[in-house]
Amino acid sequence: MLLTPAVLVLVLAVVQSALWWHAAHLADAAAQRGATVAASLGAGPSDGIAAAESFVGSAGGTLASPPQLWRDAARVTVRTSVRVPHLLPGFPTSVQRTSVAMAERFIPEPDR
């Protein structure tokens, strides 16, 4: 009689872990996409944030908070936080990932 609830909890824990893993990969990919778009020549911070939000939305995920973007002359950093669906209590409610991309810049021919 005790075996059935234990097996059910074990199965739910495996599914919950898979949901967390999926959310982590989604957050990582969204951060990479946002950093890549924002780092491209002529793009602004709003382009990178929109790309990260669009990526999460098109993949069926939910953002836990708006993406954050920092940019300086050499690089762009994007942090995303994706909500994790819950089956069991005690698991994290969101996953954060950060990605850095080198900012593209134009260098005139004589300066190369």
N, C-alpha and C. Protein backbone atom coordinates (compact mmCIF):
# COMPACT_ATOMS: atom_id res chain seq x y z
N MET A 1 0.81 -1.19 0.00
CA MET A 1 0.00 0.00 0.00
C MET A 1 0.85 1.26 0.00
N LEU A 2 1.99 1.24 0.62
CA LEU A 2 2.85 2.41 0.65
C LEU A 2 3.65 2.56 -0.64
N LEU A 3 3.72 1.54 -1.42
CA LEU A 3 4.51 1.60 -2.64
C LEU A 3 3.88 2.52 -3.68
N THR A 4 2.58 2.50 -3.82
CA THR A 4 1.91 3.32 -4.84
C THR A 4 2.13 4.82 -4.61
N PRO A 5 1.92 5.37 -3.42
CA PRO A 5 2.19 6.80 -3.22
C PRO A 5 3.66 7.15 -3.41
N ALA A 6 4.55 6.27 -3.01
CA ALA A 6 5.99 6.54 -3.17
C ALA A 6 6.36 6.59 -4.64
N VAL A 7 5.83 5.67 -5.43
CA VAL A 7 6.10 5.67 -6.86
C VAL A 7 5.50 6.91 -7.51
N LEU A 8 4.30 7.31 -7.10
CA LEU A 8 3.66 8.50 -7.64
C LEU A 8 4.47 9.76 -7.34
N VAL A 9 4.96 9.88 -6.13
CA VAL A 9 5.79 11.03 -5.76
C VAL A 9 7.09 11.02 -6.55
N LEU A 10 7.67 9.85 -6.74
CA LEU A 10 8.90 9.73 -7.52
C LEU A 10 8.67 10.15 -8.97
N VAL A 11 7.58 9.71 -9.57
CA VAL A 11 7.27 10.09 -10.95
C VAL A 11 7.04 11.60 -11.05
N LEU A 12 6.30 12.16 -10.09
CA LEU A 12 6.07 13.61 -10.11
C LEU A 12 7.37 14.39 -9.91
N ALA A 13 8.28 13.87 -9.09
CA ALA A 13 9.58 14.53 -8.90
C ALA A 13 10.40 14.51 -10.19
N VAL A 14 10.33 13.42 -10.93
CA VAL A 14 11.05 13.35 -12.21
C VAL A 14 10.45 14.34 -13.20
N VAL A 15 9.13 14.42 -13.27
CA VAL A 15 8.47 15.37 -14.18
C VAL A 15 8.79 16.80 -13.75
N GLN A 16 8.76 17.09 -12.45
CA GLN A 16 9.09 18.43 -11.96
C GLN A 16 10.52 18.80 -12.31
N SER A 17 11.44 17.86 -12.20
CA SER A 17 12.83 18.12 -12.57
C SER A 17 12.95 18.41 -14.06
N ALA A 18 12.20 17.70 -14.88
CA ALA A 18 12.21 17.94 -16.32
C ALA A 18 11.64 19.33 -16.64
N LEU A 19 10.61 19.75 -15.92
CA LEU A 19 10.05 21.10 -16.12
C LEU A 19 11.07 22.16 -15.74
N TRP A 20 11.80 21.94 -14.64
CA TRP A 20 12.83 22.89 -14.25
C TRP A 20 13.94 22.94 -15.30
N TRP A 21 14.35 21.79 -15.78
CA TRP A 21 15.40 21.70 -16.80
C TRP A 21 14.98 22.44 -18.06
N HIS A 22 13.74 22.25 -18.48
CA HIS A 22 13.23 22.93 -19.68
C HIS A 22 13.22 24.44 -19.46
N ALA A 23 12.76 24.91 -18.31
CA ALA A 23 12.73 26.34 -18.03
C ALA A 23 14.15 26.92 -18.00
N ALA A 24 15.11 26.16 -17.48
CA ALA A 24 16.50 26.63 -17.45
C ALA A 24 17.05 26.79 -18.85
N HIS A 25 16.78 25.83 -19.71
CA HIS A 25 17.25 25.94 -21.09
C HIS A 25 16.54 27.05 -21.84
N LEU A 26 15.28 27.25 -21.57
CA LEU A 26 14.53 28.33 -22.19
C LEU A 26 15.08 29.69 -21.76
N ALA A 27 15.38 29.85 -20.47
CA ALA A 27 15.96 31.10 -19.97
C ALA A 27 17.33 31.34 -20.58
N ASP A 28 18.14 30.30 -20.70
CA ASP A 28 19.47 30.42 -21.28
C ASP A 28 19.39 30.83 -22.76
N ALA A 29 18.52 30.17 -23.50
CA ALA A 29 18.38 30.49 -24.93
C ALA A 29 17.83 31.89 -25.14
N ALA A 30 16.88 32.31 -24.31
CA ALA A 30 16.32 33.66 -24.43
C ALA A 30 17.37 34.72 -24.12
N ALA A 31 18.20 34.47 -23.10
CA ALA A 31 19.26 35.42 -22.77
C ALA A 31 20.28 35.51 -23.91
N GLN A 32 20.63 34.37 -24.49
CA GLN A 32 21.56 34.38 -25.62
C GLN A 32 20.98 35.12 -26.81
N ARG A 33 19.71 34.89 -27.10
CA ARG A 33 19.05 35.55 -28.23
C ARG A 33 19.01 37.06 -28.00
N GLY A 34 18.62 37.47 -26.80
CA GLY A 34 18.56 38.90 -26.50
C GLY A 34 19.92 39.56 -26.58
N ALA A 35 20.96 38.91 -26.07
CA ALA A 35 22.31 39.47 -26.13
C ALA A 35 22.82 39.56 -27.56
N THR A 36 22.55 38.54 -28.35
CA THR A 36 22.99 38.54 -29.75
C THR A 36 22.33 39.66 -30.54
N VAL A 37 21.03 39.83 -30.36
CA VAL A 37 20.31 40.87 -31.09
C VAL A 37 20.77 42.26 -30.64
N ALA A 38 20.89 42.46 -29.33
CA ALA A 38 21.29 43.77 -28.82
C ALA A 38 22.73 44.11 -29.17
N ALA A 39 23.58 43.10 -29.38
CA ALA A 39 24.98 43.34 -29.70
C ALA A 39 25.21 43.63 -31.17
N SER A 40 24.21 43.36 -32.02
CA SER A 40 24.41 43.58 -33.45
C SER A 40 24.47 45.08 -33.76
N LEU A 41 25.20 45.42 -34.81
CA LEU A 41 25.44 46.81 -35.20
C LEU A 41 24.12 47.50 -35.51
N GLY A 42 23.88 48.63 -34.89
CA GLY A 42 22.67 49.41 -35.13
C GLY A 42 21.49 49.06 -34.25
N ALA A 43 21.61 48.03 -33.43
CA ALA A 43 20.50 47.63 -32.55
C ALA A 43 20.63 48.34 -31.21
N GLY A 44 19.49 48.50 -30.56
CA GLY A 44 19.48 49.14 -29.25
C GLY A 44 19.07 48.16 -28.17
N PRO A 45 19.10 48.61 -26.93
CA PRO A 45 18.71 47.74 -25.82
C PRO A 45 17.28 47.23 -25.94
N SER A 46 16.38 48.06 -26.43
CA SER A 46 14.98 47.63 -26.55
C SER A 46 14.84 46.48 -27.55
N ASP A 47 15.70 46.43 -28.55
CA ASP A 47 15.67 45.31 -29.52
C ASP A 47 16.05 44.00 -28.84
N GLY A 48 17.05 44.03 -27.98
CA GLY A 48 17.47 42.83 -27.28
C GLY A 48 16.43 42.34 -26.29
N ILE A 49 15.83 43.27 -25.57
CA ILE A 49 14.78 42.89 -24.61
C ILE A 49 13.58 42.31 -25.34
N ALA A 50 13.19 42.95 -26.45
CA ALA A 50 12.06 42.44 -27.23
C ALA A 50 12.35 41.05 -27.79
N ALA A 51 13.60 40.81 -28.21
CA ALA A 51 13.96 39.50 -28.75
C ALA A 51 13.88 38.42 -27.68
N ALA A 52 14.35 38.73 -26.47
CA ALA A 52 14.29 37.76 -25.37
C ALA A 52 12.84 37.46 -24.98
N GLU A 53 12.02 38.51 -24.88
CA GLU A 53 10.60 38.32 -24.54
C GLU A 53 9.88 37.51 -25.61
N SER A 54 10.16 37.82 -26.87
CA SER A 54 9.53 37.12 -27.99
C SER A 54 9.94 35.64 -28.00
N PHE A 55 11.21 35.37 -27.71
CA PHE A 55 11.68 33.99 -27.72
C PHE A 55 10.97 33.17 -26.66
N VAL A 56 10.86 33.70 -25.46
CA VAL A 56 10.18 32.97 -24.37
C VAL A 56 8.71 32.77 -24.71
N GLY A 57 8.07 33.79 -25.23
CA GLY A 57 6.66 33.68 -25.59
C GLY A 57 6.40 32.68 -26.70
N SER A 58 7.26 32.66 -27.71
CA SER A 58 7.07 31.72 -28.82
C SER A 58 7.35 30.28 -28.42
N ALA A 59 8.16 30.10 -27.37
CA ALA A 59 8.46 28.74 -26.89
C ALA A 59 7.43 28.26 -25.87
N GLY A 60 6.47 29.10 -25.54
CA GLY A 60 5.42 28.69 -24.61
C GLY A 60 5.76 28.90 -23.15
N GLY A 61 6.83 29.63 -22.87
CA GLY A 61 7.21 29.89 -21.48
C GLY A 61 6.61 31.18 -20.97
N THR A 62 6.86 31.45 -19.69
CA THR A 62 6.38 32.67 -19.05
C THR A 62 7.53 33.32 -18.32
N LEU A 63 7.73 34.60 -18.56
CA LEU A 63 8.78 35.32 -17.86
C LEU A 63 8.36 35.59 -16.42
N ALA A 64 9.28 35.39 -15.49
CA ALA A 64 9.02 35.69 -14.08
C ALA A 64 9.19 37.18 -13.82
N SER A 65 10.07 37.81 -14.59
CA SER A 65 10.29 39.26 -14.51
C SER A 65 10.80 39.71 -15.87
N PRO A 66 10.69 40.99 -16.19
CA PRO A 66 11.19 41.46 -17.49
C PRO A 66 12.70 41.23 -17.62
N PRO A 67 13.18 40.95 -18.84
CA PRO A 67 14.62 40.77 -19.04
C PRO A 67 15.37 42.05 -18.68
N GLN A 68 16.58 41.88 -18.18
CA GLN A 68 17.44 43.01 -17.85
C GLN A 68 18.59 43.02 -18.83
N LEU A 69 19.00 44.23 -19.26
CA LEU A 69 20.06 44.36 -20.24
C LEU A 69 21.03 45.45 -19.80
N TRP A 70 22.33 45.14 -19.87
CA TRP A 70 23.38 46.11 -19.62
C TRP A 70 24.28 46.15 -20.83
N ARG A 71 24.67 47.34 -21.26
CA ARG A 71 25.50 47.48 -22.45
C ARG A 71 26.59 48.49 -22.17
N ASP A 72 27.81 48.16 -22.60
CA ASP A 72 28.89 49.14 -22.61
C ASP A 72 29.52 49.10 -23.99
N ALA A 73 30.65 49.72 -24.17
CA ALA A 73 31.25 49.81 -25.50
C ALA A 73 31.70 48.45 -26.04
N ALA A 74 32.03 47.53 -25.17
CA ALA A 74 32.60 46.26 -25.62
C ALA A 74 31.64 45.08 -25.59
N ARG A 75 30.64 45.10 -24.70
CA ARG A 75 29.80 43.91 -24.58
C ARG A 75 28.38 44.24 -24.13
N VAL A 76 27.52 43.26 -24.33
CA VAL A 76 26.12 43.34 -23.93
C VAL A 76 25.83 42.15 -23.02
N THR A 77 25.17 42.41 -21.90
CA THR A 77 24.80 41.36 -20.96
C THR A 77 23.28 41.37 -20.80
N VAL A 78 22.67 40.20 -20.93
CA VAL A 78 21.22 40.06 -20.78
C VAL A 78 20.95 38.99 -19.73
N ARG A 79 20.02 39.30 -18.80
CA ARG A 79 19.60 38.34 -17.79
C ARG A 79 18.10 38.12 -17.94
N THR A 80 17.71 36.84 -18.04
CA THR A 80 16.29 36.50 -18.12
C THR A 80 15.92 35.61 -16.94
N SER A 81 14.66 35.68 -16.57
CA SER A 81 14.13 34.87 -15.48
C SER A 81 12.82 34.25 -15.97
N VAL A 82 12.79 32.92 -16.02
CA VAL A 82 11.63 32.20 -16.54
C VAL A 82 10.95 31.45 -15.40
N ARG A 83 9.62 31.49 -15.40
CA ARG A 83 8.82 30.83 -14.37
C ARG A 83 8.81 29.31 -14.61
N VAL A 84 8.91 28.53 -13.53
CA VAL A 84 8.88 27.07 -13.60
C VAL A 84 7.50 26.59 -13.18
N PRO A 85 6.79 25.81 -14.02
CA PRO A 85 5.50 25.24 -13.61
C PRO A 85 5.69 24.30 -12.42
N HIS A 86 4.69 24.24 -11.53
CA HIS A 86 4.83 23.45 -10.31
C HIS A 86 3.89 22.26 -10.25
N LEU A 87 4.46 21.12 -9.90
CA LEU A 87 3.69 19.92 -9.58
C LEU A 87 3.86 19.56 -8.11
N LEU A 88 5.05 19.81 -7.59
CA LEU A 88 5.38 19.49 -6.20
C LEU A 88 5.92 20.73 -5.50
N PRO A 89 5.62 20.91 -4.23
CA PRO A 89 6.18 22.04 -3.49
C PRO A 89 7.66 21.81 -3.20
N GLY A 90 8.37 22.92 -2.97
CA GLY A 90 9.77 22.80 -2.60
C GLY A 90 10.74 23.02 -3.73
N PHE A 91 10.26 23.08 -4.95
CA PHE A 91 11.13 23.33 -6.09
C PHE A 91 11.19 24.83 -6.36
N PRO A 92 12.24 25.32 -7.01
CA PRO A 92 12.33 26.76 -7.31
C PRO A 92 11.16 27.22 -8.19
N THR A 93 10.75 28.47 -7.99
CA THR A 93 9.63 29.01 -8.77
C THR A 93 10.08 29.65 -10.06
N SER A 94 11.38 29.98 -10.17
CA SER A 94 11.88 30.58 -11.40
C SER A 94 13.35 30.21 -11.58
N VAL A 95 13.82 30.40 -12.81
CA VAL A 95 15.21 30.12 -13.16
C VAL A 95 15.77 31.37 -13.83
N GLN A 96 16.95 31.81 -13.40
CA GLN A 96 17.62 32.96 -14.01
C GLN A 96 18.85 32.51 -14.77
N ARG A 97 19.04 33.09 -15.94
CA ARG A 97 20.24 32.83 -16.72
C ARG A 97 20.75 34.14 -17.30
N THR A 98 22.06 34.24 -17.47
CA THR A 98 22.71 35.43 -17.99
C THR A 98 23.57 35.06 -19.19
N SER A 99 23.57 35.93 -20.19
CA SER A 99 24.39 35.70 -21.38
C SER A 99 25.10 37.00 -21.74
N VAL A 100 26.33 36.87 -22.24
CA VAL A 100 27.14 38.01 -22.64
C VAL A 100 27.52 37.85 -24.10
N ALA A 101 27.42 38.94 -24.86
CA ALA A 101 27.83 38.93 -26.27
C ALA A 101 28.72 40.16 -26.51
N MET A 102 29.69 39.99 -27.38
CA MET A 102 30.55 41.10 -27.74
C MET A 102 29.79 42.04 -28.67
N ALA A 103 29.83 43.33 -28.37
CA ALA A 103 29.12 44.33 -29.17
C ALA A 103 29.82 44.52 -30.51
N GLU A 104 29.03 44.49 -31.57
CA GLU A 104 29.59 44.76 -32.90
C GLU A 104 29.84 46.25 -33.02
N ARG A 105 30.92 46.61 -33.68
CA ARG A 105 31.20 48.02 -33.92
C ARG A 105 31.91 48.17 -35.25
N PHE A 106 31.73 49.32 -35.84
CA PHE A 106 32.35 49.60 -37.14
C PHE A 106 33.73 50.17 -36.91
N ILE A 107 34.72 49.59 -37.59
CA ILE A 107 36.08 50.10 -37.53
C ILE A 107 36.46 50.51 -38.95
N PRO A 108 36.75 51.78 -39.17
CA PRO A 108 37.12 52.23 -40.52
C PRO A 108 38.37 51.51 -41.02
N GLU A 109 38.47 51.36 -42.31
CA GLU A 109 39.56 50.61 -42.94
C GLU A 109 40.93 51.09 -42.49
N PRO A 110 41.23 52.38 -42.44
CA PRO A 110 42.59 52.79 -42.02
C PRO A 110 42.93 52.41 -40.58
N ASP A 111 41.91 52.23 -39.73
CA ASP A 111 42.17 51.89 -38.32
C ASP A 111 42.32 50.41 -38.07
N ARG A 112 42.13 49.58 -39.08
CA ARG A 112 42.20 48.12 -38.88
C ARG A 112 43.61 47.64 -38.83
